[in-house]
Amino acid sequence: MRTNPGPWADQGDYSEWHDSNILLTNPPLASDDPSVLVLNEAARRAAPRRLSIVIPTRNEELNVGPLLEQLASAFDPADTELLVVDDSDDETPEALAESAAGSTLAVRLLRRPPGARKGGLSSAVMAGAQRARGEWVLVMDADLQHPPETAAGLAKVAMGHDVDIVIGTRYAGGGSSVGLAGAGKGEAAPRAGWRRSAIR
């Protein structure tokens, strides 16, 4: 989705995270929103990014490390930032902070407390899109069902053509819904077929 970052209606007040001794302290540099934590050195640099990847998470503690590794190999760190919008009740933010420390990709975190989670996944996506800095926003799941290399292909199509939105779906052309239900979905999903569709 092409975005035009600007003022957002709901900035929220998340001051309780700034004093957290578990997560990294939010430095004043490179965050125009005090509710967004900067998790690594790459995110501290104020360089503009062409692409923001918004990743809503809910109890993805075991997936965020492998996801960051795969994203770092699929996307150009000079043009990409990750913005994780976390609604977890587990240790996902701590696992993310640990993995982000060594990542070449800029990683920021918006952690939403239970009272700010109204609307679930859709409101998490909107909160991330509102705080994204990139010209383009790519939304993907943290559960490893969206293969990062395929997401990179979608981003390349979007940024290389005069389109406003690009959609990846398992339900068109040679796509497959294998791996969407039941145990083992994380194993089967990266092999599921995807088809790119550009909308003008």
C-alpha atoms as a PDB file:
ATOM      1  CA  MET A   1       0.000   0.000   0.000  1.00  0.00           C
ATOM      2  CA  ARG A   2       1.351   3.420  -0.892  1.00  0.00           C
ATOM      3  CA  THR A   3       1.289   5.736   2.083  1.00  0.00           C
ATOM      4  CA  ASN A   4       1.684   9.414   2.720  1.00  0.00           C
ATOM      5  CA  PRO A   5       2.940   9.643   6.317  1.00  0.00           C
ATOM      6  CA  GLY A   6       1.403  12.494   8.194  1.00  0.00           C
ATOM      7  CA  PRO A   7      -0.333  13.342  11.417  1.00  0.00           C
ATOM      8  CA  TRP A   8      -2.357  10.501  12.835  1.00  0.00           C
ATOM      9  CA  ALA A   9      -5.582  10.752  14.738  1.00  0.00           C
ATOM     10  CA  ASP A  10      -4.722   8.434  17.614  1.00  0.00           C
ATOM     11  CA  GLN A  11      -1.228   8.985  18.953  1.00  0.00           C
ATOM     12  CA  GLY A  12      -1.957   7.273  22.254  1.00  0.00           C
ATOM     13  CA  ASP A  13      -0.067   7.564  25.504  1.00  0.00           C
ATOM     14  CA  TYR A  14       2.221   4.642  26.218  1.00  0.00           C
ATOM     15  CA  SER A  15       4.551   6.278  28.735  1.00  0.00           C
ATOM     16  CA  GLU A  16       4.750   3.125  30.869  1.00  0.00           C
ATOM     17  CA  TRP A  17       7.047   1.501  28.285  1.00  0.00           C
ATOM     18  CA  HIS A  18       9.686   4.205  28.371  1.00  0.00           C
ATOM     19  CA  ASP A  19      10.829   3.148  31.845  1.00  0.00           C
ATOM     20  CA  SER A  20      10.873  -0.574  31.068  1.00  0.00           C
ATOM     21  CA  ASN A  21      14.015  -2.322  32.249  1.00  0.00           C
ATOM     22  CA  ILE A  22      13.256  -5.298  29.988  1.00  0.00           C
ATOM     23  CA  LEU A  23      13.057  -3.572  26.620  1.00  0.00           C
ATOM     24  CA  LEU A  24      15.644  -1.184  25.269  1.00  0.00           C
ATOM     25  CA  THR A  25      15.241   2.438  26.263  1.00  0.00           C
ATOM     26  CA  ASN A  26      13.645   4.547  23.575  1.00  0.00           C
ATOM     27  CA  PRO A  27      16.286   7.081  22.453  1.00  0.00           C
ATOM     28  CA  PRO A  28      15.106  10.520  21.397  1.00  0.00           C
ATOM     29  CA  LEU A  29      16.670  10.181  17.936  1.00  0.00           C
ATOM     30  CA  ALA A  30      14.794   8.641  15.003  1.00  0.00           C
ATOM     31  CA  SER A  31      11.375   8.287  16.606  1.00  0.00           C
ATOM     32  CA  ASP A  32       8.806  10.954  15.972  1.00  0.00           C
ATOM     33  CA  ASP A  33       6.296   9.041  18.096  1.00  0.00           C
ATOM     34  CA  PRO A  34       7.230   8.434  21.735  1.00  0.00           C
ATOM     35  CA  SER A  35       5.054   5.304  21.832  1.00  0.00           C
ATOM     36  CA  VAL A  36       7.335   3.585  19.281  1.00  0.00           C
ATOM     37  CA  LEU A  37      10.477   1.967  20.668  1.00  0.00           C
ATOM     38  CA  VAL A  38      13.656   1.958  18.594  1.00  0.00           C
ATOM     39  CA  LEU A  39      15.147  -1.534  18.971  1.00  0.00           C
ATOM     40  CA  ASN A  40      18.502  -1.381  17.200  1.00  0.00           C
ATOM     41  CA  GLU A  41      21.253   0.831  15.847  1.00  0.00           C
ATOM     42  CA  ALA A  42      19.910   0.685  12.289  1.00  0.00           C
ATOM     43  CA  ALA A  43      16.612   2.195  13.472  1.00  0.00           C
ATOM     44  CA  ARG A  44      18.397   4.972  15.378  1.00  0.00           C
ATOM     45  CA  ARG A  45      19.687   6.395  12.118  1.00  0.00           C
ATOM     46  CA  ALA A  46      17.181   8.873  10.773  1.00  0.00           C
ATOM     47  CA  ALA A  47      17.732   7.891   7.114  1.00  0.00           C
ATOM     48  CA  PRO A  48      14.493   7.740   5.113  1.00  0.00           C
ATOM     49  CA  ARG A  49      13.361   4.293   4.028  1.00  0.00           C
ATOM     50  CA  ARG A  50      11.429   3.499   0.898  1.00  0.00           C
ATOM     51  CA  LEU A  51       9.581   0.522   2.417  1.00  0.00           C
ATOM     52  CA  SER A  52       8.013  -0.009   5.837  1.00  0.00           C
ATOM     53  CA  ILE A  53       7.086  -3.588   6.699  1.00  0.00           C
ATOM     54  CA  VAL A  54       4.295  -3.567   9.281  1.00  0.00           C
ATOM     55  CA  ILE A  55       4.109  -6.807  11.244  1.00  0.00           C
ATOM     56  CA  PRO A  56       1.256  -7.214  13.735  1.00  0.00           C
ATOM     57  CA  THR A  57       2.129  -9.770  16.423  1.00  0.00           C
ATOM     58  CA  ARG A  58       0.208 -11.611  19.099  1.00  0.00           C
ATOM     59  CA  ASN A  59       2.127 -14.197  21.113  1.00  0.00           C
ATOM     60  CA  GLU A  60       4.775 -14.865  18.430  1.00  0.00           C
ATOM     61  CA  GLU A  61       7.741 -15.239  20.790  1.00  0.00           C
ATOM     62  CA  LEU A  62       9.111 -18.293  18.962  1.00  0.00           C
ATOM     63  CA  ASN A  63       8.654 -16.841  15.469  1.00  0.00           C
ATOM     64  CA  VAL A  64      10.095 -13.321  15.638  1.00  0.00           C
ATOM     65  CA  GLY A  65      13.762 -14.441  15.648  1.00  0.00           C
ATOM     66  CA  PRO A  66      13.504 -16.638  12.532  1.00  0.00           C
ATOM     67  CA  LEU A  67      11.277 -14.022  10.872  1.00  0.00           C
ATOM     68  CA  LEU A  68      13.860 -11.256  11.353  1.00  0.00           C
ATOM     69  CA  GLU A  69      16.613 -13.487   9.953  1.00  0.00           C
ATOM     70  CA  GLN A  70      14.567 -14.300   6.855  1.00  0.00           C
ATOM     71  CA  LEU A  71      13.530 -10.676   6.321  1.00  0.00           C
ATOM     72  CA  ALA A  72      17.133  -9.480   6.620  1.00  0.00           C
ATOM     73  CA  SER A  73      18.178 -11.798   3.799  1.00  0.00           C
ATOM     74  CA  ALA A  74      15.183 -10.903   1.583  1.00  0.00           C
ATOM     75  CA  PHE A  75      15.119  -7.084   1.892  1.00  0.00           C
ATOM     76  CA  ASP A  76      17.667  -4.304   1.398  1.00  0.00           C
ATOM     77  CA  PRO A  77      18.459  -2.806   4.835  1.00  0.00           C
ATOM     78  CA  ALA A  78      19.172   0.601   3.292  1.00  0.00           C
ATOM     79  CA  ASP A  79      15.597   0.902   1.992  1.00  0.00           C
ATOM     80  CA  THR A  80      13.583  -1.066   4.568  1.00  0.00           C
ATOM     81  CA  GLU A  81      12.325  -0.635   8.100  1.00  0.00           C
ATOM     82  CA  LEU A  82      10.305  -3.075  10.204  1.00  0.00           C
ATOM     83  CA  LEU A  83       7.572  -1.797  12.456  1.00  0.00           C
ATOM     84  CA  VAL A  84       6.195  -4.487  14.738  1.00  0.00           C
ATOM     85  CA  VAL A  85       2.834  -3.729  16.346  1.00  0.00           C
ATOM     86  CA  ASP A  86       2.636  -6.048  19.321  1.00  0.00           C
ATOM     87  CA  ASP A  87      -0.513  -7.129  21.183  1.00  0.00           C
ATOM     88  CA  SER A  88       1.173 -10.058  22.959  1.00  0.00           C
ATOM     89  CA  ASP A  89       0.700 -11.431  26.424  1.00  0.00           C
ATOM     90  CA  ASP A  90       3.878 -13.537  26.223  1.00  0.00           C
ATOM     91  CA  GLU A  91       7.569 -12.651  25.837  1.00  0.00           C
ATOM     92  CA  THR A  92       7.339 -11.580  22.177  1.00  0.00           C
ATOM     93  CA  PRO A  93       8.676  -8.033  22.797  1.00  0.00           C
ATOM     94  CA  GLU A  94      11.719  -9.338  24.664  1.00  0.00           C
ATOM     95  CA  ALA A  95      12.442 -11.963  21.982  1.00  0.00           C
ATOM     96  CA  LEU A  96      12.066  -9.284  19.319  1.00  0.00           C
ATOM     97  CA  ALA A  97      14.418  -6.888  21.123  1.00  0.00           C
ATOM     98  CA  GLU A  98      17.022  -9.639  21.452  1.00  0.00           C
ATOM     99  CA  SER A  99      16.805 -10.594  17.758  1.00  0.00           C
ATOM    100  CA  ALA A 100      16.685  -6.984  16.566  1.00  0.00           C
ATOM    101  CA  ALA A 101      19.924  -6.088  18.335  1.00  0.00           C
ATOM    102  CA  GLY A 102      21.954  -7.974  15.732  1.00  0.00           C
ATOM    103  CA  SER A 103      19.766  -7.282  12.701  1.00  0.00           C
ATOM    104  CA  THR A 104      20.862  -5.131   9.771  1.00  0.00           C
ATOM    105  CA  LEU A 105      17.248  -4.038   9.247  1.00  0.00           C
ATOM    106  CA  ALA A 106      15.885  -1.056  11.175  1.00  0.00           C
ATOM    107  CA  VAL A 107      13.423  -2.443  13.749  1.00  0.00           C
ATOM    108  CA  ARG A 108      10.904  -0.410  15.737  1.00  0.00           C
ATOM    109  CA  LEU A 109       8.203  -1.632  18.113  1.00  0.00           C
ATOM    110  CA  LEU A 110       4.767  -0.312  19.003  1.00  0.00           C
ATOM    111  CA  ARG A 111       3.573  -2.346  21.962  1.00  0.00           C
ATOM    112  CA  ARG A 112      -0.133  -1.923  22.612  1.00  0.00           C
ATOM    113  CA  PRO A 113      -1.371  -2.513  26.162  1.00  0.00           C
ATOM    114  CA  PRO A 114      -4.588  -4.542  26.626  1.00  0.00           C
ATOM    115  CA  GLY A 115      -6.768  -1.419  26.795  1.00  0.00           C
ATOM    116  CA  ALA A 116      -5.482  -0.173  23.412  1.00  0.00           C
ATOM    117  CA  ARG A 117      -6.148  -3.353  21.424  1.00  0.00           C
ATOM    118  CA  LYS A 118      -9.740  -2.678  20.402  1.00  0.00           C
ATOM    119  CA  GLY A 119     -10.197  -3.789  16.812  1.00  0.00           C
ATOM    120  CA  GLY A 120      -7.557  -6.525  17.038  1.00  0.00           C
ATOM    121  CA  LEU A 121      -5.565  -7.271  13.914  1.00  0.00           C
ATOM    122  CA  SER A 122      -7.139  -4.583  11.738  1.00  0.00           C
ATOM    123  CA  SER A 123      -6.473  -1.809  14.261  1.00  0.00           C
ATOM    124  CA  ALA A 124      -2.898  -3.087  14.711  1.00  0.00           C
ATOM    125  CA  VAL A 125      -2.340  -2.825  10.945  1.00  0.00           C
ATOM    126  CA  MET A 126      -3.774   0.692  10.900  1.00  0.00           C
ATOM    127  CA  ALA A 127      -1.651   1.772  13.884  1.00  0.00           C
ATOM    128  CA  GLY A 128       1.448   0.489  12.087  1.00  0.00           C
ATOM    129  CA  ALA A 129       0.551   2.122   8.773  1.00  0.00           C
ATOM    130  CA  GLN A 130      -0.020   5.444  10.537  1.00  0.00           C
ATOM    131  CA  ARG A 131       3.443   5.318  12.112  1.00  0.00           C
ATOM    132  CA  ALA A 132       5.279   3.933   9.083  1.00  0.00           C
ATOM    133  CA  ARG A 133       8.002   6.130   7.607  1.00  0.00           C
ATOM    134  CA  GLY A 134       8.335   4.469   4.230  1.00  0.00           C
ATOM    135  CA  GLU A 135       6.770   5.626   0.993  1.00  0.00           C
ATOM    136  CA  TRP A 136       5.326   2.104   0.732  1.00  0.00           C
ATOM    137  CA  VAL A 137       3.829  -0.145   3.425  1.00  0.00           C
ATOM    138  CA  LEU A 138       3.912  -3.929   3.245  1.00  0.00           C
ATOM    139  CA  VAL A 139       1.827  -5.817   5.822  1.00  0.00           C
ATOM    140  CA  MET A 140       2.707  -9.395   6.681  1.00  0.00           C
ATOM    141  CA  ASP A 141       2.085 -11.908   9.453  1.00  0.00           C
ATOM    142  CA  ALA A 142       4.750 -12.900  11.961  1.00  0.00           C
ATOM    143  CA  ASP A 143       3.770 -16.583  12.002  1.00  0.00           C
ATOM    144  CA  LEU A 144       5.984 -17.408   8.988  1.00  0.00           C
ATOM    145  CA  GLN A 145       2.992 -18.135   6.712  1.00  0.00           C
ATOM    146  CA  HIS A 146       3.990 -15.214   4.470  1.00  0.00           C
ATOM    147  CA  PRO A 147       7.340 -16.177   2.926  1.00  0.00           C
ATOM    148  CA  PRO A 148       9.701 -13.154   3.154  1.00  0.00           C
ATOM    149  CA  GLU A 149      11.159 -13.835  -0.297  1.00  0.00           C
ATOM    150  CA  THR A 150       7.653 -13.713  -1.783  1.00  0.00           C
ATOM    151  CA  ALA A 151       6.861 -10.547   0.172  1.00  0.00           C
ATOM    152  CA  ALA A 152      10.037  -9.021  -1.279  1.00  0.00           C
ATOM    153  CA  GLY A 153       8.750  -9.867  -4.757  1.00  0.00           C
ATOM    154  CA  LEU A 154       5.444  -8.170  -3.993  1.00  0.00           C
ATOM    155  CA  ALA A 155       7.249  -5.055  -2.776  1.00  0.00           C
ATOM    156  CA  LYS A 156       9.405  -5.008  -5.901  1.00  0.00           C
ATOM    157  CA  VAL A 157       6.315  -5.179  -8.140  1.00  0.00           C
ATOM    158  CA  ALA A 158       4.627  -2.361  -6.218  1.00  0.00           C
ATOM    159  CA  MET A 159       7.630  -0.056  -6.165  1.00  0.00           C
ATOM    160  CA  GLY A 160       8.548  -0.745  -9.785  1.00  0.00           C
ATOM    161  CA  HIS A 161       5.176   0.009 -11.353  1.00  0.00           C
ATOM    162  CA  ASP A 162       2.542   2.709 -11.326  1.00  0.00           C
ATOM    163  CA  VAL A 163       0.165   0.869  -8.968  1.00  0.00           C
ATOM    164  CA  ASP A 164      -1.351   1.744  -5.620  1.00  0.00           C
ATOM    165  CA  ILE A 165      -1.695  -1.739  -4.148  1.00  0.00           C
ATOM    166  CA  VAL A 166      -0.292  -5.209  -4.764  1.00  0.00           C
ATOM    167  CA  ILE A 167      -1.947  -8.264  -3.237  1.00  0.00           C
ATOM    168  CA  GLY A 168      -0.469 -11.703  -2.666  1.00  0.00           C
ATOM    169  CA  THR A 169      -3.040 -14.490  -2.483  1.00  0.00           C
ATOM    170  CA  ARG A 170      -3.021 -18.245  -2.211  1.00  0.00           C
ATOM    171  CA  TYR A 171      -6.423 -18.431  -3.878  1.00  0.00           C
ATOM    172  CA  ALA A 172      -5.576 -17.334  -7.441  1.00  0.00           C
ATOM    173  CA  GLY A 173      -3.727 -19.010 -10.277  1.00  0.00           C
ATOM    174  CA  GLY A 174      -1.255 -21.579  -8.999  1.00  0.00           C
ATOM    175  CA  GLY A 175      -1.730 -20.626  -5.328  1.00  0.00           C
ATOM    176  CA  SER A 176      -2.451 -23.096  -2.560  1.00  0.00           C
ATOM    177  CA  SER A 177      -4.019 -22.935   0.888  1.00  0.00           C
ATOM    178  CA  VAL A 178      -1.815 -25.785   2.134  1.00  0.00           C
ATOM    179  CA  GLY A 179      -0.582 -25.104   5.636  1.00  0.00           C
ATOM    180  CA  LEU A 180      -3.281 -22.669   6.708  1.00  0.00           C
ATOM    181  CA  ALA A 181      -5.009 -24.856   9.289  1.00  0.00           C
ATOM    182  CA  GLY A 182      -3.934 -27.163  12.065  1.00  0.00           C
ATOM    183  CA  ALA A 183      -0.590 -28.135  13.533  1.00  0.00           C
ATOM    184  CA  GLY A 184       2.522 -27.624  11.472  1.00  0.00           C
ATOM    185  CA  LYS A 185       1.209 -24.574   9.633  1.00  0.00           C
ATOM    186  CA  GLY A 186       4.566 -22.857  10.099  1.00  0.00           C
ATOM    187  CA  GLU A 187       6.352 -25.697   8.304  1.00  0.00           C
ATOM    188  CA  ALA A 188       4.058 -26.012   5.301  1.00  0.00           C
ATOM    189  CA  ALA A 189       3.297 -22.353   4.738  1.00  0.00           C
ATOM    190  CA  PRO A 190       6.641 -21.217   3.308  1.00  0.00           C
ATOM    191  CA  ARG A 191       6.196 -23.795   0.532  1.00  0.00           C
ATOM    192  CA  ALA A 192       2.652 -22.653  -0.283  1.00  0.00           C
ATOM    193  CA  GLY A 193       2.284 -21.045  -3.698  1.00  0.00           C
ATOM    194  CA  TRP A 194       1.573 -17.319  -4.005  1.00  0.00           C
ATOM    195  CA  ARG A 195       0.453 -15.243  -6.945  1.00  0.00           C
ATOM    196  CA  ARG A 196       1.090 -11.518  -7.307  1.00  0.00           C
ATOM    197  CA  SER A 197      -1.698  -9.240  -8.459  1.00  0.00           C
ATOM    198  CA  ALA A 198      -1.206  -5.568  -9.205  1.00  0.00           C
ATOM    199  CA  ILE A 199      -4.143  -3.194  -9.077  1.00  0.00           C
ATOM    200  CA  ARG A 200      -3.926   0.069 -10.977  1.00  0.00           C
END
